[in-house]
N, C-alpha and C. Protein backbone atom coordinates (compact mmCIF):
# COMPACT_ATOMS: atom_id res chain seq x y z
N MET A 1 -41.31 -13.06 3.23
CA MET A 1 -39.98 -13.27 3.74
C MET A 1 -39.85 -12.66 5.13
N LYS A 2 -39.19 -13.38 5.98
CA LYS A 2 -38.97 -12.86 7.32
C LYS A 2 -37.81 -11.87 7.32
N TYR A 3 -37.82 -11.05 8.35
CA TYR A 3 -36.75 -10.06 8.49
C TYR A 3 -35.38 -10.74 8.57
N SER A 4 -35.28 -11.84 9.31
CA SER A 4 -33.98 -12.50 9.48
C SER A 4 -33.47 -13.07 8.14
N GLU A 5 -34.38 -13.55 7.31
CA GLU A 5 -33.96 -14.05 5.99
C GLU A 5 -33.42 -12.91 5.12
N ILE A 6 -34.11 -11.80 5.14
CA ILE A 6 -33.67 -10.63 4.37
C ILE A 6 -32.32 -10.14 4.89
N HIS A 7 -32.19 -10.13 6.21
CA HIS A 7 -30.94 -9.69 6.83
C HIS A 7 -29.77 -10.56 6.37
N TRP A 8 -29.91 -11.88 6.47
CA TRP A 8 -28.80 -12.77 6.14
C TRP A 8 -28.50 -12.78 4.65
N LYS A 9 -29.53 -12.66 3.82
CA LYS A 9 -29.27 -12.60 2.37
C LYS A 9 -28.52 -11.32 1.99
N SER A 10 -28.94 -10.20 2.57
CA SER A 10 -28.24 -8.95 2.26
C SER A 10 -26.84 -8.94 2.86
N PHE A 11 -26.68 -9.47 4.06
CA PHE A 11 -25.36 -9.56 4.67
C PHE A 11 -24.42 -10.40 3.82
N ASN A 12 -24.89 -11.56 3.39
CA ASN A 12 -24.06 -12.43 2.56
C ASN A 12 -23.71 -11.77 1.23
N PHE A 13 -24.66 -11.09 0.61
CA PHE A 13 -24.38 -10.43 -0.66
C PHE A 13 -23.37 -9.32 -0.47
N LEU A 14 -23.59 -8.46 0.51
CA LEU A 14 -22.69 -7.33 0.71
C LEU A 14 -21.29 -7.78 1.13
N THR A 15 -21.21 -8.80 1.95
CA THR A 15 -19.91 -9.26 2.42
C THR A 15 -19.19 -10.07 1.35
N ARG A 16 -19.88 -11.07 0.81
CA ARG A 16 -19.22 -12.01 -0.10
C ARG A 16 -19.02 -11.46 -1.49
N ARG A 17 -19.81 -10.51 -1.90
CA ARG A 17 -19.69 -10.00 -3.27
C ARG A 17 -19.14 -8.57 -3.31
N VAL A 18 -19.78 -7.65 -2.65
CA VAL A 18 -19.37 -6.25 -2.74
C VAL A 18 -18.04 -6.03 -2.04
N MET A 19 -17.93 -6.46 -0.79
CA MET A 19 -16.71 -6.23 -0.03
C MET A 19 -15.54 -7.04 -0.60
N ALA A 20 -15.81 -8.29 -0.98
CA ALA A 20 -14.74 -9.13 -1.54
C ALA A 20 -14.21 -8.54 -2.84
N LEU A 21 -15.10 -8.10 -3.72
CA LEU A 21 -14.65 -7.49 -4.97
C LEU A 21 -13.90 -6.18 -4.72
N SER A 22 -14.31 -5.43 -3.71
CA SER A 22 -13.59 -4.21 -3.36
C SER A 22 -12.18 -4.54 -2.89
N PHE A 23 -12.03 -5.58 -2.09
CA PHE A 23 -10.71 -6.01 -1.63
C PHE A 23 -9.85 -6.42 -2.82
N ILE A 24 -10.42 -7.19 -3.74
CA ILE A 24 -9.66 -7.68 -4.88
C ILE A 24 -9.22 -6.54 -5.79
N VAL A 25 -10.15 -5.67 -6.15
CA VAL A 25 -9.82 -4.56 -7.06
C VAL A 25 -8.88 -3.56 -6.39
N GLY A 26 -9.18 -3.17 -5.16
CA GLY A 26 -8.33 -2.22 -4.46
C GLY A 26 -6.93 -2.75 -4.19
N GLY A 27 -6.86 -4.01 -3.79
CA GLY A 27 -5.54 -4.62 -3.55
C GLY A 27 -4.73 -4.77 -4.83
N ALA A 28 -5.41 -5.12 -5.92
CA ALA A 28 -4.70 -5.27 -7.20
C ALA A 28 -4.17 -3.93 -7.69
N ILE A 29 -4.97 -2.89 -7.57
CA ILE A 29 -4.52 -1.56 -7.99
C ILE A 29 -3.34 -1.10 -7.12
N SER A 30 -3.45 -1.31 -5.82
CA SER A 30 -2.35 -0.91 -4.92
C SER A 30 -1.08 -1.72 -5.19
N THR A 31 -1.24 -3.00 -5.49
CA THR A 31 -0.08 -3.83 -5.82
C THR A 31 0.60 -3.34 -7.09
N MET A 32 -0.21 -3.06 -8.11
CA MET A 32 0.37 -2.57 -9.37
C MET A 32 1.05 -1.22 -9.17
N TYR A 33 0.49 -0.40 -8.32
CA TYR A 33 1.10 0.91 -8.03
C TYR A 33 2.44 0.75 -7.33
N GLY A 34 2.59 -0.31 -6.51
CA GLY A 34 3.81 -0.50 -5.74
C GLY A 34 4.88 -1.31 -6.45
N ILE A 35 4.55 -1.99 -7.54
CA ILE A 35 5.52 -2.82 -8.23
C ILE A 35 6.77 -2.04 -8.68
N PRO A 36 6.65 -0.83 -9.20
CA PRO A 36 7.88 -0.12 -9.59
C PRO A 36 8.85 0.12 -8.42
N SER A 37 8.36 0.09 -7.20
CA SER A 37 9.26 0.33 -6.07
C SER A 37 10.20 -0.84 -5.81
N ILE A 38 9.84 -2.07 -6.24
CA ILE A 38 10.73 -3.21 -5.99
C ILE A 38 11.70 -3.43 -7.14
N LEU A 39 11.51 -2.72 -8.23
CA LEU A 39 12.46 -2.83 -9.33
C LEU A 39 13.77 -2.14 -8.95
N PRO A 40 14.89 -2.53 -9.59
CA PRO A 40 16.17 -1.88 -9.25
C PRO A 40 16.08 -0.36 -9.41
N GLY A 41 16.55 0.34 -8.41
CA GLY A 41 16.52 1.80 -8.42
C GLY A 41 15.21 2.39 -7.93
N GLY A 42 14.28 1.55 -7.54
CA GLY A 42 12.99 2.04 -7.07
C GLY A 42 13.07 2.59 -5.66
N THR A 43 12.27 3.58 -5.38
CA THR A 43 12.21 4.16 -4.04
C THR A 43 10.75 4.39 -3.67
N ILE A 44 10.50 4.59 -2.39
CA ILE A 44 9.19 4.99 -1.90
C ILE A 44 9.37 6.21 -1.03
N LEU A 45 8.31 6.98 -0.88
CA LEU A 45 8.37 8.16 -0.03
C LEU A 45 8.01 7.79 1.40
N VAL A 46 8.88 8.14 2.33
CA VAL A 46 8.64 7.96 3.76
C VAL A 46 8.71 9.34 4.38
N GLU A 47 7.57 9.87 4.80
CA GLU A 47 7.47 11.22 5.36
C GLU A 47 8.03 12.26 4.38
N GLY A 48 7.75 12.05 3.11
CA GLY A 48 8.15 13.00 2.09
C GLY A 48 9.58 12.87 1.61
N VAL A 49 10.34 11.90 2.17
CA VAL A 49 11.74 11.71 1.79
C VAL A 49 11.86 10.36 1.08
N PRO A 50 12.49 10.30 -0.10
CA PRO A 50 12.66 9.02 -0.78
C PRO A 50 13.50 8.06 0.05
N SER A 51 13.06 6.82 0.09
CA SER A 51 13.77 5.79 0.84
C SER A 51 13.95 4.57 -0.06
N ASP A 52 15.12 3.95 0.03
CA ASP A 52 15.36 2.73 -0.74
C ASP A 52 15.48 1.51 0.16
N ASP A 53 14.90 1.58 1.35
CA ASP A 53 14.90 0.46 2.29
C ASP A 53 14.15 -0.72 1.67
N LEU A 54 14.82 -1.86 1.58
CA LEU A 54 14.26 -3.03 0.91
C LEU A 54 13.02 -3.57 1.62
N VAL A 55 13.01 -3.55 2.94
CA VAL A 55 11.86 -4.06 3.68
C VAL A 55 10.62 -3.21 3.41
N LEU A 56 10.74 -1.92 3.43
CA LEU A 56 9.61 -1.05 3.15
C LEU A 56 9.13 -1.21 1.71
N ARG A 57 10.06 -1.36 0.79
CA ARG A 57 9.68 -1.51 -0.61
C ARG A 57 8.89 -2.80 -0.83
N TRP A 58 9.31 -3.89 -0.20
CA TRP A 58 8.57 -5.15 -0.35
C TRP A 58 7.24 -5.11 0.40
N THR A 59 7.18 -4.39 1.51
CA THR A 59 5.93 -4.25 2.25
C THR A 59 4.87 -3.54 1.42
N VAL A 60 5.29 -2.56 0.64
CA VAL A 60 4.36 -1.81 -0.21
C VAL A 60 3.71 -2.72 -1.24
N VAL A 61 4.39 -3.81 -1.60
CA VAL A 61 3.84 -4.74 -2.59
C VAL A 61 3.14 -5.93 -1.93
N LEU A 62 3.70 -6.45 -0.86
CA LEU A 62 3.16 -7.68 -0.27
C LEU A 62 1.86 -7.48 0.52
N LEU A 63 1.72 -6.36 1.21
CA LEU A 63 0.48 -6.14 1.97
C LEU A 63 -0.75 -6.02 1.06
N PRO A 64 -0.70 -5.24 -0.01
CA PRO A 64 -1.86 -5.22 -0.91
C PRO A 64 -2.10 -6.58 -1.58
N SER A 65 -1.03 -7.35 -1.82
CA SER A 65 -1.20 -8.69 -2.38
C SER A 65 -1.94 -9.59 -1.40
N LEU A 66 -1.65 -9.43 -0.12
CA LEU A 66 -2.36 -10.17 0.91
C LEU A 66 -3.85 -9.80 0.93
N VAL A 67 -4.15 -8.54 0.72
CA VAL A 67 -5.54 -8.09 0.66
C VAL A 67 -6.26 -8.75 -0.52
N VAL A 68 -5.58 -8.91 -1.65
CA VAL A 68 -6.17 -9.59 -2.81
C VAL A 68 -6.48 -11.05 -2.46
N VAL A 69 -5.54 -11.72 -1.81
CA VAL A 69 -5.75 -13.12 -1.43
C VAL A 69 -6.92 -13.24 -0.45
N LEU A 70 -7.00 -12.34 0.51
CA LEU A 70 -8.12 -12.37 1.46
C LEU A 70 -9.45 -12.07 0.76
N GLY A 71 -9.43 -11.19 -0.22
CA GLY A 71 -10.64 -10.91 -0.99
C GLY A 71 -11.10 -12.12 -1.77
N ILE A 72 -10.17 -12.86 -2.34
CA ILE A 72 -10.52 -14.09 -3.07
C ILE A 72 -11.10 -15.11 -2.11
N ALA A 73 -10.49 -15.25 -0.94
CA ALA A 73 -11.01 -16.19 0.06
C ALA A 73 -12.40 -15.78 0.53
N LEU A 74 -12.62 -14.49 0.72
CA LEU A 74 -13.93 -14.00 1.14
C LEU A 74 -14.97 -14.24 0.06
N TYR A 75 -14.58 -14.12 -1.20
CA TYR A 75 -15.51 -14.35 -2.31
C TYR A 75 -15.93 -15.82 -2.37
N ARG A 76 -15.02 -16.72 -2.01
CA ARG A 76 -15.29 -18.16 -2.13
C ARG A 76 -15.93 -18.78 -0.89
N VAL A 77 -16.02 -18.05 0.20
CA VAL A 77 -16.54 -18.61 1.45
C VAL A 77 -18.02 -18.95 1.32
N ALA A 78 -18.45 -19.94 2.09
CA ALA A 78 -19.86 -20.35 2.07
C ALA A 78 -20.74 -19.28 2.71
N PRO A 79 -21.99 -19.17 2.28
CA PRO A 79 -22.90 -18.20 2.90
C PRO A 79 -23.07 -18.46 4.39
N SER A 80 -23.19 -17.39 5.14
CA SER A 80 -23.34 -17.49 6.58
C SER A 80 -24.82 -17.42 6.94
N GLU A 81 -25.26 -18.40 7.72
CA GLU A 81 -26.65 -18.42 8.19
C GLU A 81 -26.66 -18.98 9.61
N PRO A 82 -27.55 -18.47 10.44
CA PRO A 82 -27.63 -19.02 11.80
C PRO A 82 -28.22 -20.43 11.76
N LYS A 83 -27.87 -21.21 12.77
CA LYS A 83 -28.41 -22.57 12.86
C LYS A 83 -29.88 -22.49 13.22
N LYS A 84 -30.67 -23.30 12.55
CA LYS A 84 -32.11 -23.32 12.83
C LYS A 84 -32.39 -24.35 13.91
N LYS A 85 -33.26 -23.97 14.81
CA LYS A 85 -33.59 -24.85 15.94
C LYS A 85 -34.62 -25.87 15.55
């Protein structure tokens, strides 16, 4: 095997499998952690002070959800290889 083949196979594995699964698991855990903040009476800490600002509360849930979606897209993407001459 050539060095370039090993490089691209390892790059594709690490990016498409390891990093994508990390995005999915980390984003899902963060989303679940933030869900109680959007329920009625929920608050989040901003600089150590509880805040009930609706925009911040939804941001705590939507940004990690976006990370999950990006992780799923990264998992499904085609392998990357340079064009052969």
